Amino acid sequence: MVETDLMHLIMDAVSKRGCLVFRSNVGKVRTSDGRWFDTGLPKGFSDLFGFLPRSGRIFFIECKVKPNKPTPEQVNFIHVAKNLGAIALVAYSVEEVEQALDDAAWADFGLVIQDPLEKEPDTEQWMKLFTWASTIQQELFACLQTIRRGGAHLAPDPKFGLRILPGADTAQYKNDSQVLFKYRHELTNELAWLGKGE
């Protein structure tokens, strides 16, 4: 893969998130009469720039394919942009960009806590669990939201207070179980506490 390929993949991914994204064509062009024309953007300006939906926060993405590294001018531009409050990064993958945008949205908006399956009998317990998870770690909160969307339910358990039962999407639950395992001690304690309130 070349950097142009990565740039197109990133543009596609951020567009699907509702971002407005532009490719900056930086450099010099020779006019038909032989003179050199500077495009006007500063040296080191990032390959891509755009705006997050809702907040309008600007981002700059310098696309690189390993083993390529950013130039000193590109590093300086990213440093200045970050210091001014922009999201700015050197990206070697689409995933790095998605993580940076997720982190920015989390920081900019805080969190809207909502049960994806609002009308279920265990919604009140899920809301308490989501609220608790939002104070622990974004990764855990996102995982719980995903498995709930997949139909997971909370059921009473004599030993643990409450237990999370997978919904119809067992493949997704199995995939997310690694995150649940990572936070198993905290999660077990919280489920026990919620179960006592029953």
N, C-alpha and C. Protein backbone atom coordinates (compact mmCIF):
# COMPACT_ATOMS: atom_id res chain seq x y z
N MET A 1 0.84 -1.18 0.00
CA MET A 1 0.00 0.00 0.00
C MET A 1 0.89 1.24 0.00
N VAL A 2 0.48 2.24 -0.76
CA VAL A 2 1.17 3.53 -0.76
C VAL A 2 0.34 4.53 0.03
N GLU A 3 0.96 5.68 0.32
CA GLU A 3 0.28 6.67 1.18
C GLU A 3 -1.02 7.17 0.57
N THR A 4 -1.10 7.26 -0.74
CA THR A 4 -2.33 7.70 -1.39
C THR A 4 -3.47 6.71 -1.12
N ASP A 5 -3.15 5.40 -1.13
CA ASP A 5 -4.16 4.38 -0.83
C ASP A 5 -4.68 4.54 0.60
N LEU A 6 -3.74 4.73 1.55
CA LEU A 6 -4.13 4.93 2.94
C LEU A 6 -4.98 6.19 3.08
N MET A 7 -4.60 7.24 2.38
CA MET A 7 -5.35 8.50 2.43
C MET A 7 -6.80 8.28 1.99
N HIS A 8 -6.99 7.53 0.92
CA HIS A 8 -8.35 7.27 0.42
C HIS A 8 -9.16 6.43 1.42
N LEU A 9 -8.51 5.43 2.03
CA LEU A 9 -9.20 4.61 3.04
C LEU A 9 -9.62 5.46 4.24
N ILE A 10 -8.74 6.35 4.67
CA ILE A 10 -9.05 7.21 5.81
C ILE A 10 -10.17 8.19 5.45
N MET A 11 -10.10 8.77 4.27
CA MET A 11 -11.16 9.70 3.84
C MET A 11 -12.51 9.00 3.82
N ASP A 12 -12.54 7.77 3.33
CA ASP A 12 -13.78 7.00 3.29
C ASP A 12 -14.29 6.72 4.70
N ALA A 13 -13.40 6.31 5.59
CA ALA A 13 -13.80 5.97 6.96
C ALA A 13 -14.33 7.18 7.73
N VAL A 14 -13.66 8.32 7.62
CA VAL A 14 -14.11 9.49 8.37
C VAL A 14 -15.37 10.09 7.76
N SER A 15 -15.53 9.97 6.44
CA SER A 15 -16.77 10.43 5.80
C SER A 15 -17.97 9.64 6.28
N LYS A 16 -17.78 8.33 6.46
CA LYS A 16 -18.88 7.48 6.95
C LYS A 16 -19.29 7.86 8.37
N ARG A 17 -18.41 8.51 9.11
CA ARG A 17 -18.72 8.96 10.47
C ARG A 17 -19.42 10.32 10.46
N GLY A 18 -19.64 10.88 9.29
CA GLY A 18 -20.30 12.17 9.20
C GLY A 18 -19.35 13.35 9.19
N CYS A 19 -18.05 13.08 9.13
CA CYS A 19 -17.06 14.17 9.10
C CYS A 19 -16.99 14.77 7.70
N LEU A 20 -16.69 16.04 7.65
CA LEU A 20 -16.37 16.71 6.40
C LEU A 20 -14.86 16.64 6.27
N VAL A 21 -14.34 16.06 5.19
CA VAL A 21 -12.90 15.86 5.07
C VAL A 21 -12.40 16.35 3.71
N PHE A 22 -11.21 16.93 3.72
CA PHE A 22 -10.60 17.48 2.51
C PHE A 22 -9.17 16.97 2.37
N ARG A 23 -8.76 16.78 1.14
CA ARG A 23 -7.37 16.43 0.86
C ARG A 23 -6.64 17.71 0.49
N SER A 24 -5.52 17.94 1.13
CA SER A 24 -4.75 19.15 0.80
C SER A 24 -3.65 18.78 -0.18
N ASN A 25 -3.64 19.48 -1.25
CA ASN A 25 -2.59 19.28 -2.25
C ASN A 25 -1.56 20.38 -2.04
N VAL A 26 -0.49 20.01 -1.39
CA VAL A 26 0.55 20.96 -1.03
C VAL A 26 1.73 20.78 -1.99
N GLY A 27 2.32 21.89 -2.35
CA GLY A 27 3.51 21.80 -3.19
C GLY A 27 3.56 22.92 -4.20
N LYS A 28 4.43 22.74 -5.17
CA LYS A 28 4.61 23.75 -6.21
C LYS A 28 4.18 23.16 -7.54
N VAL A 29 3.64 24.02 -8.36
CA VAL A 29 3.18 23.62 -9.69
C VAL A 29 3.85 24.54 -10.70
N ARG A 30 4.27 23.95 -11.79
CA ARG A 30 4.89 24.77 -12.86
C ARG A 30 3.78 25.20 -13.81
N THR A 31 3.68 26.49 -14.01
CA THR A 31 2.65 27.02 -14.92
C THR A 31 3.08 26.80 -16.37
N SER A 32 2.14 27.02 -17.28
CA SER A 32 2.44 26.77 -18.70
C SER A 32 3.54 27.68 -19.24
N ASP A 33 3.73 28.85 -18.59
CA ASP A 33 4.80 29.75 -19.06
C ASP A 33 6.13 29.50 -18.34
N GLY A 34 6.21 28.40 -17.56
CA GLY A 34 7.46 28.00 -16.95
C GLY A 34 7.73 28.53 -15.55
N ARG A 35 6.83 29.35 -15.01
CA ARG A 35 7.02 29.88 -13.66
C ARG A 35 6.54 28.84 -12.64
N TRP A 36 7.13 28.87 -11.44
CA TRP A 36 6.69 28.00 -10.35
C TRP A 36 5.63 28.71 -9.52
N PHE A 37 4.59 27.98 -9.17
CA PHE A 37 3.49 28.54 -8.39
C PHE A 37 3.35 27.73 -7.10
N ASP A 38 3.37 28.40 -5.95
CA ASP A 38 3.20 27.76 -4.64
C ASP A 38 1.70 27.68 -4.34
N THR A 39 1.20 26.51 -3.90
CA THR A 39 -0.24 26.33 -3.68
C THR A 39 -0.78 27.18 -2.54
N GLY A 40 0.08 27.72 -1.70
CA GLY A 40 -0.38 28.64 -0.66
C GLY A 40 -0.48 28.04 0.72
N LEU A 41 -0.54 26.73 0.84
CA LEU A 41 -0.57 26.12 2.16
C LEU A 41 0.86 26.07 2.71
N PRO A 42 1.00 26.18 4.03
CA PRO A 42 2.36 26.18 4.59
C PRO A 42 3.04 24.83 4.42
N LYS A 43 4.35 24.85 4.36
CA LYS A 43 5.13 23.62 4.28
C LYS A 43 4.86 22.80 5.53
N GLY A 44 4.59 21.51 5.35
CA GLY A 44 4.28 20.64 6.48
C GLY A 44 2.80 20.48 6.74
N PHE A 45 1.94 21.20 6.00
CA PHE A 45 0.49 21.07 6.19
C PHE A 45 0.08 19.61 5.97
N SER A 46 -0.81 19.12 6.80
CA SER A 46 -1.20 17.70 6.77
C SER A 46 -1.91 17.32 5.48
N ASP A 47 -1.85 16.01 5.16
CA ASP A 47 -2.47 15.49 3.94
C ASP A 47 -3.98 15.69 3.93
N LEU A 48 -4.60 15.47 5.09
CA LEU A 48 -6.06 15.58 5.20
C LEU A 48 -6.41 16.53 6.33
N PHE A 49 -7.52 17.22 6.15
CA PHE A 49 -8.06 18.03 7.24
C PHE A 49 -9.57 18.03 7.10
N GLY A 50 -10.24 18.32 8.19
CA GLY A 50 -11.69 18.31 8.14
C GLY A 50 -12.29 18.67 9.48
N PHE A 51 -13.60 18.40 9.60
CA PHE A 51 -14.35 18.81 10.77
C PHE A 51 -15.19 17.67 11.30
N LEU A 52 -15.24 17.55 12.63
CA LEU A 52 -16.10 16.56 13.27
C LEU A 52 -17.55 17.01 13.15
N PRO A 53 -18.48 16.06 13.03
CA PRO A 53 -19.89 16.44 13.02
C PRO A 53 -20.28 16.98 14.40
N ARG A 54 -21.29 17.80 14.44
CA ARG A 54 -21.86 18.42 15.65
C ARG A 54 -20.93 19.44 16.29
N SER A 55 -19.73 19.07 16.68
CA SER A 55 -18.87 20.04 17.38
C SER A 55 -18.16 20.98 16.41
N GLY A 56 -17.92 20.51 15.19
CA GLY A 56 -17.19 21.32 14.23
C GLY A 56 -15.70 21.41 14.50
N ARG A 57 -15.22 20.60 15.45
CA ARG A 57 -13.80 20.64 15.79
C ARG A 57 -12.97 20.19 14.59
N ILE A 58 -11.88 20.90 14.36
CA ILE A 58 -11.04 20.62 13.18
C ILE A 58 -10.04 19.51 13.49
N PHE A 59 -9.73 18.71 12.46
CA PHE A 59 -8.69 17.69 12.61
C PHE A 59 -7.73 17.76 11.42
N PHE A 60 -6.50 17.32 11.68
CA PHE A 60 -5.44 17.25 10.67
C PHE A 60 -4.83 15.86 10.74
N ILE A 61 -4.69 15.21 9.59
CA ILE A 61 -4.15 13.85 9.55
C ILE A 61 -3.02 13.80 8.52
N GLU A 62 -1.85 13.45 9.00
CA GLU A 62 -0.70 13.21 8.11
C GLU A 62 -0.64 11.71 7.88
N CYS A 63 -0.83 11.27 6.64
CA CYS A 63 -0.88 9.84 6.32
C CYS A 63 0.52 9.33 5.97
N LYS A 64 0.92 8.25 6.61
CA LYS A 64 2.22 7.66 6.36
C LYS A 64 2.09 6.14 6.29
N VAL A 65 2.94 5.54 5.47
CA VAL A 65 3.06 4.09 5.37
C VAL A 65 4.46 3.74 5.86
N LYS A 66 4.55 2.78 6.77
CA LYS A 66 5.86 2.39 7.31
C LYS A 66 6.75 1.89 6.19
N PRO A 67 8.01 2.24 6.19
CA PRO A 67 8.83 2.84 7.23
C PRO A 67 8.92 4.37 7.14
N ASN A 68 8.06 5.01 6.31
CA ASN A 68 8.13 6.46 6.14
C ASN A 68 7.82 7.19 7.45
N LYS A 69 8.49 8.28 7.66
CA LYS A 69 8.28 9.10 8.86
C LYS A 69 7.94 10.52 8.43
N PRO A 70 7.25 11.26 9.30
CA PRO A 70 6.94 12.64 8.95
C PRO A 70 8.19 13.51 8.91
N THR A 71 8.15 14.53 8.07
CA THR A 71 9.26 15.47 7.98
C THR A 71 9.24 16.37 9.22
N PRO A 72 10.34 17.05 9.52
CA PRO A 72 10.34 17.99 10.65
C PRO A 72 9.24 19.05 10.52
N GLU A 73 8.96 19.51 9.30
CA GLU A 73 7.91 20.51 9.08
C GLU A 73 6.53 19.92 9.40
N GLN A 74 6.31 18.66 9.04
CA GLN A 74 5.02 18.01 9.33
C GLN A 74 4.84 17.81 10.83
N VAL A 75 5.91 17.40 11.52
CA VAL A 75 5.87 17.23 12.97
C VAL A 75 5.56 18.56 13.63
N ASN A 76 6.21 19.62 13.17
CA ASN A 76 5.99 20.95 13.73
C ASN A 76 4.54 21.40 13.51
N PHE A 77 4.00 21.17 12.31
CA PHE A 77 2.62 21.57 12.02
C PHE A 77 1.65 20.85 12.96
N ILE A 78 1.84 19.55 13.14
CA ILE A 78 0.96 18.77 14.03
C ILE A 78 1.07 19.28 15.46
N HIS A 79 2.28 19.58 15.89
CA HIS A 79 2.50 20.10 17.24
C HIS A 79 1.75 21.42 17.44
N VAL A 80 1.88 22.33 16.49
CA VAL A 80 1.20 23.63 16.58
C VAL A 80 -0.32 23.44 16.58
N ALA A 81 -0.82 22.59 15.67
CA ALA A 81 -2.27 22.35 15.58
C ALA A 81 -2.83 21.80 16.90
N LYS A 82 -2.12 20.84 17.50
CA LYS A 82 -2.55 20.27 18.79
C LYS A 82 -2.57 21.33 19.88
N ASN A 83 -1.55 22.16 19.90
CA ASN A 83 -1.47 23.21 20.91
C ASN A 83 -2.59 24.24 20.78
N LEU A 84 -3.14 24.37 19.58
CA LEU A 84 -4.25 25.28 19.35
C LEU A 84 -5.61 24.61 19.57
N GLY A 85 -5.60 23.33 19.97
CA GLY A 85 -6.85 22.64 20.29
C GLY A 85 -7.39 21.73 19.21
N ALA A 86 -6.67 21.58 18.11
CA ALA A 86 -7.13 20.69 17.03
C ALA A 86 -6.78 19.24 17.36
N ILE A 87 -7.44 18.34 16.67
CA ILE A 87 -7.05 16.93 16.69
C ILE A 87 -6.03 16.80 15.57
N ALA A 88 -4.84 16.34 15.88
CA ALA A 88 -3.79 16.25 14.85
C ALA A 88 -2.93 15.03 15.13
N LEU A 89 -2.66 14.27 14.08
CA LEU A 89 -1.87 13.06 14.26
C LEU A 89 -1.20 12.61 12.97
N VAL A 90 -0.18 11.80 13.14
CA VAL A 90 0.41 11.05 12.03
C VAL A 90 -0.26 9.68 12.09
N ALA A 91 -0.87 9.26 10.99
CA ALA A 91 -1.62 8.00 10.98
C ALA A 91 -0.98 6.99 10.04
N TYR A 92 -0.76 5.80 10.57
CA TYR A 92 -0.26 4.68 9.78
C TYR A 92 -1.38 3.68 9.48
N SER A 93 -2.59 3.95 10.00
CA SER A 93 -3.72 3.05 9.75
C SER A 93 -5.03 3.80 9.96
N VAL A 94 -6.09 3.26 9.40
CA VAL A 94 -7.44 3.80 9.59
C VAL A 94 -7.82 3.71 11.06
N GLU A 95 -7.43 2.61 11.72
CA GLU A 95 -7.79 2.39 13.12
C GLU A 95 -7.24 3.49 14.03
N GLU A 96 -6.03 3.96 13.75
CA GLU A 96 -5.46 5.05 14.55
C GLU A 96 -6.30 6.31 14.44
N VAL A 97 -6.79 6.59 13.25
CA VAL A 97 -7.63 7.78 13.04
C VAL A 97 -8.96 7.60 13.77
N GLU A 98 -9.57 6.42 13.62
CA GLU A 98 -10.86 6.18 14.28
C GLU A 98 -10.73 6.31 15.80
N GLN A 99 -9.63 5.81 16.36
CA GLN A 99 -9.42 5.91 17.80
C GLN A 99 -9.27 7.37 18.22
N ALA A 100 -8.52 8.14 17.44
CA ALA A 100 -8.32 9.56 17.77
C ALA A 100 -9.64 10.32 17.72
N LEU A 101 -10.48 10.01 16.72
CA LEU A 101 -11.78 10.69 16.61
C LEU A 101 -12.73 10.25 17.72
N ASP A 102 -12.69 8.96 18.08
CA ASP A 102 -13.49 8.47 19.21
C ASP A 102 -13.09 9.17 20.50
N ASP A 103 -11.79 9.25 20.74
CA ASP A 103 -11.30 9.90 21.96
C ASP A 103 -11.71 11.37 21.99
N ALA A 104 -11.66 12.03 20.85
CA ALA A 104 -12.03 13.45 20.79
C ALA A 104 -13.52 13.62 21.05
N ALA A 105 -14.34 12.75 20.46
CA ALA A 105 -15.79 12.86 20.69
C ALA A 105 -16.10 12.63 22.15
N TRP A 106 -15.45 11.65 22.76
CA TRP A 106 -15.64 11.35 24.19
C TRP A 106 -15.29 12.58 25.03
N ALA A 107 -14.15 13.20 24.72
CA ALA A 107 -13.69 14.36 25.49
C ALA A 107 -14.57 15.58 25.25
N ASP A 108 -15.00 15.77 24.00
CA ASP A 108 -15.78 16.97 23.66
C ASP A 108 -17.20 16.94 24.22
N PHE A 109 -17.81 15.80 24.18
CA PHE A 109 -19.24 15.74 24.51
C PHE A 109 -19.55 15.06 25.81
N GLY A 110 -18.53 14.53 26.47
CA GLY A 110 -18.86 13.72 27.63
C GLY A 110 -19.56 12.49 27.11
N LEU A 111 -20.64 12.13 27.70
CA LEU A 111 -21.27 10.88 27.35
C LEU A 111 -22.77 11.00 27.46
N VAL A 112 -23.46 10.49 26.47
CA VAL A 112 -24.91 10.37 26.54
C VAL A 112 -25.20 8.94 26.94
N ILE A 113 -25.81 8.78 28.10
CA ILE A 113 -26.08 7.43 28.61
C ILE A 113 -27.52 7.06 28.28
N GLN A 114 -27.65 5.99 27.49
CA GLN A 114 -28.96 5.56 27.06
C GLN A 114 -28.93 4.05 26.89
N ASP A 115 -30.01 3.40 27.24
CA ASP A 115 -30.11 1.95 27.03
C ASP A 115 -30.60 1.72 25.60
N PRO A 116 -29.82 1.02 24.77
CA PRO A 116 -30.26 0.75 23.40
C PRO A 116 -31.57 -0.03 23.32
N LEU A 117 -31.89 -0.79 24.37
CA LEU A 117 -33.16 -1.54 24.41
C LEU A 117 -34.04 -0.96 25.52
N GLU A 118 -34.46 0.28 25.34
CA GLU A 118 -35.10 1.06 26.40
C GLU A 118 -36.32 0.42 27.05
N LYS A 119 -37.09 -0.34 26.35
CA LYS A 119 -38.38 -0.80 26.87
C LYS A 119 -38.33 -2.18 27.53
N GLU A 120 -37.15 -2.66 27.82
CA GLU A 120 -37.00 -3.97 28.45
C GLU A 120 -37.17 -3.86 29.97
N PRO A 121 -37.57 -4.95 30.63
CA PRO A 121 -37.76 -4.91 32.08
C PRO A 121 -36.49 -4.59 32.86
N ASP A 122 -35.32 -4.90 32.31
CA ASP A 122 -34.08 -4.65 33.04
C ASP A 122 -33.39 -3.33 32.66
N THR A 123 -34.12 -2.42 31.99
CA THR A 123 -33.54 -1.14 31.55
C THR A 123 -32.98 -0.34 32.73
N GLU A 124 -33.69 -0.29 33.84
CA GLU A 124 -33.22 0.50 34.98
C GLU A 124 -31.87 -0.02 35.48
N GLN A 125 -31.72 -1.33 35.54
CA GLN A 125 -30.44 -1.91 35.98
C GLN A 125 -29.34 -1.63 34.97
N TRP A 126 -29.65 -1.73 33.68
CA TRP A 126 -28.66 -1.43 32.65
C TRP A 126 -28.22 0.03 32.72
N MET A 127 -29.17 0.92 32.96
CA MET A 127 -28.83 2.34 33.07
C MET A 127 -27.85 2.57 34.22
N LYS A 128 -28.07 1.90 35.33
CA LYS A 128 -27.15 2.02 36.47
C LYS A 128 -25.78 1.45 36.10
N LEU A 129 -25.78 0.32 35.39
CA LEU A 129 -24.53 -0.30 34.97
C LEU A 129 -23.78 0.60 33.98
N PHE A 130 -24.50 1.18 33.01
CA PHE A 130 -23.88 2.10 32.05
C PHE A 130 -23.30 3.32 32.75
N THR A 131 -24.04 3.87 33.69
CA THR A 131 -23.58 5.06 34.42
C THR A 131 -22.29 4.73 35.18
N TRP A 132 -22.29 3.59 35.84
CA TRP A 132 -21.08 3.16 36.56
C TRP A 132 -19.91 2.98 35.59
N ALA A 133 -20.14 2.27 34.47
CA ALA A 133 -19.07 1.97 33.50
C ALA A 133 -18.51 3.25 32.89
N SER A 134 -19.35 4.27 32.75
CA SER A 134 -18.88 5.53 32.15
C SER A 134 -17.84 6.22 33.03
N THR A 135 -17.81 5.88 34.29
CA THR A 135 -16.82 6.47 35.20
C THR A 135 -15.56 5.60 35.31
N ILE A 136 -15.61 4.40 34.76
CA ILE A 136 -14.49 3.46 34.87
C ILE A 136 -13.55 3.57 33.66
N GLN A 137 -14.09 3.29 32.47
CA GLN A 137 -13.25 3.24 31.29
C GLN A 137 -14.14 3.26 30.05
N GLN A 138 -13.77 4.06 29.07
CA GLN A 138 -14.53 4.17 27.82
C GLN A 138 -14.66 2.80 27.15
N GLU A 139 -13.61 2.01 27.18
CA GLU A 139 -13.61 0.70 26.54
C GLU A 139 -14.70 -0.20 27.13
N LEU A 140 -14.83 -0.20 28.44
CA LEU A 140 -15.85 -1.03 29.10
C LEU A 140 -17.24 -0.52 28.77
N PHE A 141 -17.44 0.79 28.83
CA PHE A 141 -18.74 1.37 28.52
C PHE A 141 -19.16 0.98 27.10
N ALA A 142 -18.25 1.15 26.13
CA ALA A 142 -18.56 0.83 24.73
C ALA A 142 -18.88 -0.65 24.57
N CYS A 143 -18.15 -1.50 25.28
CA CYS A 143 -18.39 -2.94 25.22
C CYS A 143 -19.79 -3.28 25.75
N LEU A 144 -20.16 -2.72 26.89
CA LEU A 144 -21.48 -2.99 27.46
C LEU A 144 -22.59 -2.49 26.53
N GLN A 145 -22.39 -1.35 25.91
CA GLN A 145 -23.38 -0.84 24.96
C GLN A 145 -23.53 -1.80 23.78
N THR A 146 -22.41 -2.32 23.29
CA THR A 146 -22.44 -3.23 22.14
C THR A 146 -23.17 -4.52 22.47
N ILE A 147 -22.86 -5.11 23.62
CA ILE A 147 -23.52 -6.39 23.93
C ILE A 147 -25.00 -6.17 24.25
N ARG A 148 -25.34 -5.00 24.79
CA ARG A 148 -26.75 -4.71 25.04
C ARG A 148 -27.49 -4.57 23.71
N ARG A 149 -26.88 -3.88 22.75
CA ARG A 149 -27.50 -3.78 21.42
C ARG A 149 -27.70 -5.16 20.81
N GLY A 150 -26.81 -6.10 21.16
CA GLY A 150 -26.92 -7.47 20.67
C GLY A 150 -27.96 -8.28 21.42
N GLY A 151 -28.67 -7.65 22.36
CA GLY A 151 -29.77 -8.33 23.05
C GLY A 151 -29.44 -8.88 24.42
N ALA A 152 -28.28 -8.55 24.97
CA ALA A 152 -27.90 -9.08 26.30
C ALA A 152 -28.87 -8.59 27.37
N HIS A 153 -29.07 -9.43 28.40
CA HIS A 153 -29.97 -9.10 29.50
C HIS A 153 -29.25 -9.32 30.83
N LEU A 154 -29.76 -8.68 31.86
CA LEU A 154 -29.28 -8.91 33.22
C LEU A 154 -30.27 -9.82 33.91
N ALA A 155 -29.75 -10.87 34.55
CA ALA A 155 -30.61 -11.83 35.24
C ALA A 155 -30.11 -12.02 36.67
N PRO A 156 -31.03 -12.21 37.62
CA PRO A 156 -30.61 -12.47 39.00
C PRO A 156 -29.74 -13.72 39.08
N ASP A 157 -28.75 -13.66 39.97
CA ASP A 157 -27.86 -14.80 40.18
C ASP A 157 -27.62 -14.92 41.67
N PRO A 158 -27.90 -16.10 42.28
CA PRO A 158 -27.76 -16.22 43.74
C PRO A 158 -26.33 -16.00 44.24
N LYS A 159 -25.34 -16.30 43.42
CA LYS A 159 -23.96 -16.16 43.85
C LYS A 159 -23.39 -14.77 43.57
N PHE A 160 -23.72 -14.21 42.38
CA PHE A 160 -23.10 -12.96 41.95
C PHE A 160 -24.02 -11.75 41.99
N GLY A 161 -25.24 -11.89 42.42
CA GLY A 161 -26.18 -10.77 42.44
C GLY A 161 -26.89 -10.64 41.11
N LEU A 162 -26.15 -10.26 40.07
CA LEU A 162 -26.68 -10.20 38.71
C LEU A 162 -25.66 -10.83 37.77
N ARG A 163 -26.17 -11.35 36.68
CA ARG A 163 -25.31 -11.95 35.66
C ARG A 163 -25.74 -11.39 34.30
N ILE A 164 -24.75 -11.15 33.44
CA ILE A 164 -25.05 -10.72 32.07
C ILE A 164 -25.24 -11.96 31.21
N LEU A 165 -26.42 -12.05 30.60
CA LEU A 165 -26.72 -13.17 29.70
C LEU A 165 -26.65 -12.67 28.26
N PRO A 166 -25.95 -13.39 27.38
CA PRO A 166 -25.85 -12.93 25.99
C PRO A 166 -27.20 -12.95 25.29
N GLY A 167 -27.34 -12.05 24.31
CA GLY A 167 -28.55 -12.02 23.50
C GLY A 167 -28.38 -12.92 22.29
N ALA A 168 -29.14 -12.62 21.26
CA ALA A 168 -29.11 -13.44 20.05
C ALA A 168 -27.77 -13.36 19.33
N ASP A 169 -27.08 -12.23 19.46
CA ASP A 169 -25.80 -12.04 18.78
C ASP A 169 -24.66 -12.62 19.63
N THR A 170 -24.60 -13.94 19.70
CA THR A 170 -23.60 -14.60 20.55
C THR A 170 -22.18 -14.42 20.03
N ALA A 171 -22.03 -14.26 18.71
CA ALA A 171 -20.69 -14.05 18.15
C ALA A 171 -20.12 -12.72 18.64
N GLN A 172 -20.93 -11.68 18.63
CA GLN A 172 -20.48 -10.38 19.12
C GLN A 172 -20.18 -10.45 20.61
N TYR A 173 -21.03 -11.15 21.35
CA TYR A 173 -20.82 -11.28 22.80
C TYR A 173 -19.49 -11.99 23.07
N LYS A 174 -19.23 -13.04 22.32
CA LYS A 174 -17.97 -13.78 22.49
C LYS A 174 -16.78 -12.88 22.18
N ASN A 175 -16.91 -12.08 21.14
CA ASN A 175 -15.85 -11.15 20.76
C ASN A 175 -15.60 -10.12 21.87
N ASP A 176 -16.69 -9.61 22.47
CA ASP A 176 -16.57 -8.59 23.51
C ASP A 176 -16.25 -9.17 24.88
N SER A 177 -16.33 -10.48 25.02
CA SER A 177 -16.08 -11.08 26.33
C SER A 177 -14.64 -10.85 26.80
N GLN A 178 -13.72 -10.58 25.87
CA GLN A 178 -12.34 -10.26 26.27
C GLN A 178 -12.28 -8.98 27.08
N VAL A 179 -13.07 -8.00 26.69
CA VAL A 179 -13.12 -6.73 27.43
C VAL A 179 -13.78 -6.97 28.79
N LEU A 180 -14.86 -7.74 28.80
CA LEU A 180 -15.53 -8.05 30.08
C LEU A 180 -14.58 -8.78 31.02
N PHE A 181 -13.78 -9.68 30.47
CA PHE A 181 -12.82 -10.42 31.29
C PHE A 181 -11.76 -9.48 31.85
N LYS A 182 -11.33 -8.52 31.04
CA LYS A 182 -10.32 -7.56 31.46
C LYS A 182 -10.78 -6.78 32.70
N TYR A 183 -12.07 -6.48 32.76
CA TYR A 183 -12.63 -5.70 33.89
C TYR A 183 -13.47 -6.58 34.81
N ARG A 184 -13.20 -7.87 34.83
CA ARG A 184 -14.05 -8.82 35.54
C ARG A 184 -14.20 -8.52 37.03
N HIS A 185 -13.15 -8.10 37.69
CA HIS A 185 -13.24 -7.86 39.13
C HIS A 185 -14.16 -6.68 39.43
N GLU A 186 -13.92 -5.56 38.74
CA GLU A 186 -14.76 -4.39 38.94
C GLU A 186 -16.20 -4.67 38.55
N LEU A 187 -16.38 -5.37 37.41
CA LEU A 187 -17.72 -5.66 36.91
C LEU A 187 -18.47 -6.59 37.84
N THR A 188 -17.80 -7.63 38.35
CA THR A 188 -18.44 -8.57 39.28
C THR A 188 -18.89 -7.84 40.55
N ASN A 189 -18.04 -6.96 41.07
CA ASN A 189 -18.42 -6.19 42.26
C ASN A 189 -19.63 -5.31 42.00
N GLU A 190 -19.66 -4.67 40.84
CA GLU A 190 -20.78 -3.79 40.52
C GLU A 190 -22.07 -4.58 40.33
N LEU A 191 -21.98 -5.72 39.65
CA LEU A 191 -23.16 -6.56 39.45
C LEU A 191 -23.68 -7.10 40.78
N ALA A 192 -22.77 -7.42 41.69
CA ALA A 192 -23.18 -7.87 43.04
C ALA A 192 -23.90 -6.75 43.76
N TRP A 193 -23.39 -5.54 43.68
CA TRP A 193 -24.00 -4.40 44.33
C TRP A 193 -25.38 -4.10 43.74
N LEU A 194 -25.46 -4.12 42.40
CA LEU A 194 -26.77 -3.89 41.73
C LEU A 194 -27.77 -4.97 42.09
N GLY A 195 -27.28 -6.21 42.22
CA GLY A 195 -28.16 -7.33 42.56
C GLY A 195 -28.75 -7.21 43.96
N LYS A 196 -28.02 -6.58 44.87
CA LYS A 196 -28.54 -6.39 46.23
C LYS A 196 -29.71 -5.44 46.26
N GLY A 197 -29.77 -4.56 45.29
CA GLY A 197 -30.86 -3.58 45.23
C GLY A 197 -32.16 -4.17 44.73
N GLU A 198 -32.11 -5.42 44.31
CA GLU A 198 -33.32 -6.08 43.77
C GLU A 198 -34.31 -6.37 44.87
